[in-house]
Amino acid sequence: MDDVYFEIEDFKGRTIVCERVRWFDHITENAHHNYMDGSEEDVIQALKNPHNLHRCFDRVRKNRRVYYLHHPHWGDFTKVVVEYDNDNCDGTGKVCTAYKVDDITPGERPEF
């Protein structure tokens, strides 16, 4: 599919897709997130191999999951938000956004 930029399985075996328009028009072209250009591998690693405390339930939306990749050298994280069609977060998820943060967002509970 031309509209899929990348597709992977997360740490639980769920399929996650990132659409081209989402990556290029929202994540890397957004004035606040343009530093994410070239960070595809960080996003993929956050989805595939998040640390136990770095994969969370979204604190507001039940149909979203949040994944973090910790960068110990820099002391920050790549945060990736994925949305599913249902509150069980099964089926295929879509990357909503990805950006750098200094710490995990308060109120997010780990998903094991």
C-alpha atoms as a PDB file:
ATOM      1  CA  MET A   1       0.000   0.000   0.000  1.00  0.00           C
ATOM      2  CA  ASP A   2       1.297   3.414  -0.922  1.00  0.00           C
ATOM      3  CA  ASP A   3      -0.251   5.074   2.104  1.00  0.00           C
ATOM      4  CA  VAL A   4       1.601   2.867   4.632  1.00  0.00           C
ATOM      5  CA  TYR A   5       5.045   4.202   5.532  1.00  0.00           C
ATOM      6  CA  PHE A   6       5.921   1.321   7.846  1.00  0.00           C
ATOM      7  CA  GLU A   7       4.148  -1.601   9.510  1.00  0.00           C
ATOM      8  CA  ILE A   8       5.478  -3.565  12.481  1.00  0.00           C
ATOM      9  CA  GLU A   9       4.348  -5.813  15.333  1.00  0.00           C
ATOM     10  CA  ASP A  10       4.534  -4.315  18.811  1.00  0.00           C
ATOM     11  CA  PHE A  11       5.794  -6.096  21.922  1.00  0.00           C
ATOM     12  CA  LYS A  12       2.419  -7.879  22.285  1.00  0.00           C
ATOM     13  CA  GLY A  13       2.218  -8.972  18.651  1.00  0.00           C
ATOM     14  CA  ARG A  14      -0.316  -6.315  17.635  1.00  0.00           C
ATOM     15  CA  THR A  15       0.059  -4.859  14.149  1.00  0.00           C
ATOM     16  CA  ILE A  16       0.840  -1.155  14.070  1.00  0.00           C
ATOM     17  CA  VAL A  17       0.984   0.953  10.931  1.00  0.00           C
ATOM     18  CA  CYS A  18       2.304   4.434  10.359  1.00  0.00           C
ATOM     19  CA  GLU A  19       0.778   6.110   7.348  1.00  0.00           C
ATOM     20  CA  ARG A  20       2.922   8.283   5.078  1.00  0.00           C
ATOM     21  CA  VAL A  21       0.663  11.295   5.496  1.00  0.00           C
ATOM     22  CA  ARG A  22       0.849  10.960   9.297  1.00  0.00           C
ATOM     23  CA  TRP A  23       4.647  10.710   9.312  1.00  0.00           C
ATOM     24  CA  PHE A  24       5.422  13.392   6.747  1.00  0.00           C
ATOM     25  CA  ASP A  25       2.527  15.834   7.198  1.00  0.00           C
ATOM     26  CA  HIS A  26       2.046  15.620  10.952  1.00  0.00           C
ATOM     27  CA  ILE A  27       5.114  14.246  12.704  1.00  0.00           C
ATOM     28  CA  THR A  28       8.104  15.499  10.698  1.00  0.00           C
ATOM     29  CA  GLU A  29       6.623  18.588   9.053  1.00  0.00           C
ATOM     30  CA  ASN A  30       4.974  19.905  12.199  1.00  0.00           C
ATOM     31  CA  ALA A  31       6.870  22.927  13.466  1.00  0.00           C
ATOM     32  CA  HIS A  32       7.048  21.379  16.952  1.00  0.00           C
ATOM     33  CA  HIS A  33       8.156  17.901  15.836  1.00  0.00           C
ATOM     34  CA  ASN A  34      10.345  18.496  12.762  1.00  0.00           C
ATOM     35  CA  TYR A  35      13.344  17.223  14.749  1.00  0.00           C
ATOM     36  CA  MET A  36      11.784  13.752  14.358  1.00  0.00           C
ATOM     37  CA  ASP A  37      12.853  13.649  10.700  1.00  0.00           C
ATOM     38  CA  GLY A  38      15.075  10.575  10.419  1.00  0.00           C
ATOM     39  CA  SER A  39      13.852   9.081  13.722  1.00  0.00           C
ATOM     40  CA  GLU A  40      11.861   6.217  12.239  1.00  0.00           C
ATOM     41  CA  GLU A  41      14.087   3.605  13.899  1.00  0.00           C
ATOM     42  CA  ASP A  42      13.545   5.171  17.340  1.00  0.00           C
ATOM     43  CA  VAL A  43       9.782   4.990  16.812  1.00  0.00           C
ATOM     44  CA  ILE A  44       9.985   1.374  15.647  1.00  0.00           C
ATOM     45  CA  GLN A  45      12.144   0.405  18.620  1.00  0.00           C
ATOM     46  CA  ALA A  46       9.755   2.135  21.028  1.00  0.00           C
ATOM     47  CA  LEU A  47       6.928  -0.007  19.622  1.00  0.00           C
ATOM     48  CA  LYS A  48       8.843  -3.276  19.480  1.00  0.00           C
ATOM     49  CA  ASN A  49      11.007  -3.099  22.601  1.00  0.00           C
ATOM     50  CA  PRO A  50       9.688  -0.675  25.210  1.00  0.00           C
ATOM     51  CA  HIS A  51      10.938  -1.150  28.754  1.00  0.00           C
ATOM     52  CA  ASN A  52       8.303  -2.576  31.150  1.00  0.00           C
ATOM     53  CA  LEU A  53       7.537   0.845  32.602  1.00  0.00           C
ATOM     54  CA  HIS A  54       7.618   2.520  29.206  1.00  0.00           C
ATOM     55  CA  ARG A  55       4.497   1.025  27.625  1.00  0.00           C
ATOM     56  CA  CYS A  56       1.394   2.609  29.015  1.00  0.00           C
ATOM     57  CA  PHE A  57      -2.338   3.085  28.880  1.00  0.00           C
ATOM     58  CA  ASP A  58      -3.176   6.585  27.675  1.00  0.00           C
ATOM     59  CA  ARG A  59      -4.380   8.589  30.669  1.00  0.00           C
ATOM     60  CA  VAL A  60      -7.391  10.028  28.805  1.00  0.00           C
ATOM     61  CA  ARG A  61      -8.357   7.837  25.828  1.00  0.00           C
ATOM     62  CA  LYS A  62      -9.031   4.143  26.422  1.00  0.00           C
ATOM     63  CA  ASN A  63      -8.421   3.279  22.759  1.00  0.00           C
ATOM     64  CA  ARG A  64      -4.827   4.561  22.808  1.00  0.00           C
ATOM     65  CA  ARG A  65      -1.555   3.107  24.001  1.00  0.00           C
ATOM     66  CA  VAL A  66       1.657   5.014  24.621  1.00  0.00           C
ATOM     67  CA  TYR A  67       5.154   3.643  24.041  1.00  0.00           C
ATOM     68  CA  TYR A  68       8.452   5.152  25.136  1.00  0.00           C
ATOM     69  CA  LEU A  69      12.013   4.541  24.048  1.00  0.00           C
ATOM     70  CA  HIS A  70      14.490   5.722  26.671  1.00  0.00           C
ATOM     71  CA  HIS A  71      17.698   7.371  25.478  1.00  0.00           C
ATOM     72  CA  PRO A  72      19.989   7.003  28.524  1.00  0.00           C
ATOM     73  CA  HIS A  73      22.811   8.950  26.903  1.00  0.00           C
ATOM     74  CA  TRP A  74      20.634  12.047  26.434  1.00  0.00           C
ATOM     75  CA  GLY A  75      18.252  11.400  29.336  1.00  0.00           C
ATOM     76  CA  ASP A  76      15.097  11.819  27.265  1.00  0.00           C
ATOM     77  CA  PHE A  77      12.496   9.611  25.605  1.00  0.00           C
ATOM     78  CA  THR A  78      10.860   9.149  22.232  1.00  0.00           C
ATOM     79  CA  LYS A  79       7.104   9.005  22.915  1.00  0.00           C
ATOM     80  CA  VAL A  80       4.821   7.256  20.424  1.00  0.00           C
ATOM     81  CA  VAL A  81       1.006   7.328  20.669  1.00  0.00           C
ATOM     82  CA  VAL A  82      -0.981   4.607  18.895  1.00  0.00           C
ATOM     83  CA  GLU A  83      -4.761   4.584  18.394  1.00  0.00           C
ATOM     84  CA  TYR A  84      -6.940   1.500  17.936  1.00  0.00           C
ATOM     85  CA  ASP A  85     -10.546   1.140  16.737  1.00  0.00           C
ATOM     86  CA  ASN A  86     -11.713  -0.148  20.134  1.00  0.00           C
ATOM     87  CA  ASP A  87     -11.072   0.276  23.858  1.00  0.00           C
ATOM     88  CA  ASN A  88      -9.524  -3.222  24.078  1.00  0.00           C
ATOM     89  CA  CYS A  89      -6.735  -2.024  21.780  1.00  0.00           C
ATOM     90  CA  ASP A  90      -6.732  -5.158  19.715  1.00  0.00           C
ATOM     91  CA  GLY A  91      -6.561  -5.373  15.950  1.00  0.00           C
ATOM     92  CA  THR A  92      -4.438  -2.940  13.988  1.00  0.00           C
ATOM     93  CA  GLY A  93      -3.253   0.272  15.607  1.00  0.00           C
ATOM     94  CA  LYS A  94      -2.214   3.474  13.862  1.00  0.00           C
ATOM     95  CA  VAL A  95       0.548   5.830  14.946  1.00  0.00           C
ATOM     96  CA  CYS A  96      -1.080   9.144  15.925  1.00  0.00           C
ATOM     97  CA  THR A  97       2.039  11.061  16.823  1.00  0.00           C
ATOM     98  CA  ALA A  98       5.635  10.739  17.953  1.00  0.00           C
ATOM     99  CA  TYR A  99       7.882  13.265  19.665  1.00  0.00           C
ATOM    100  CA  LYS A 100      10.617  13.699  22.279  1.00  0.00           C
ATOM    101  CA  VAL A 101       9.843  14.242  25.968  1.00  0.00           C
ATOM    102  CA  ASP A 102      11.962  14.676  29.085  1.00  0.00           C
ATOM    103  CA  ASP A 103       9.973  12.171  31.154  1.00  0.00           C
ATOM    104  CA  ILE A 104       6.986   9.841  31.122  1.00  0.00           C
ATOM    105  CA  THR A 105       3.681  11.707  31.293  1.00  0.00           C
ATOM    106  CA  PRO A 106       2.215  11.610  34.818  1.00  0.00           C
ATOM    107  CA  GLY A 107      -0.943   9.511  35.126  1.00  0.00           C
ATOM    108  CA  GLU A 108      -0.031   6.915  32.506  1.00  0.00           C
ATOM    109  CA  ARG A 109      -0.256   3.387  33.908  1.00  0.00           C
ATOM    110  CA  PRO A 110       2.108   0.666  32.631  1.00  0.00           C
ATOM    111  CA  GLU A 111       0.670  -1.952  30.293  1.00  0.00           C
ATOM    112  CA  PHE A 112       2.186  -5.381  30.931  1.00  0.00           C
END
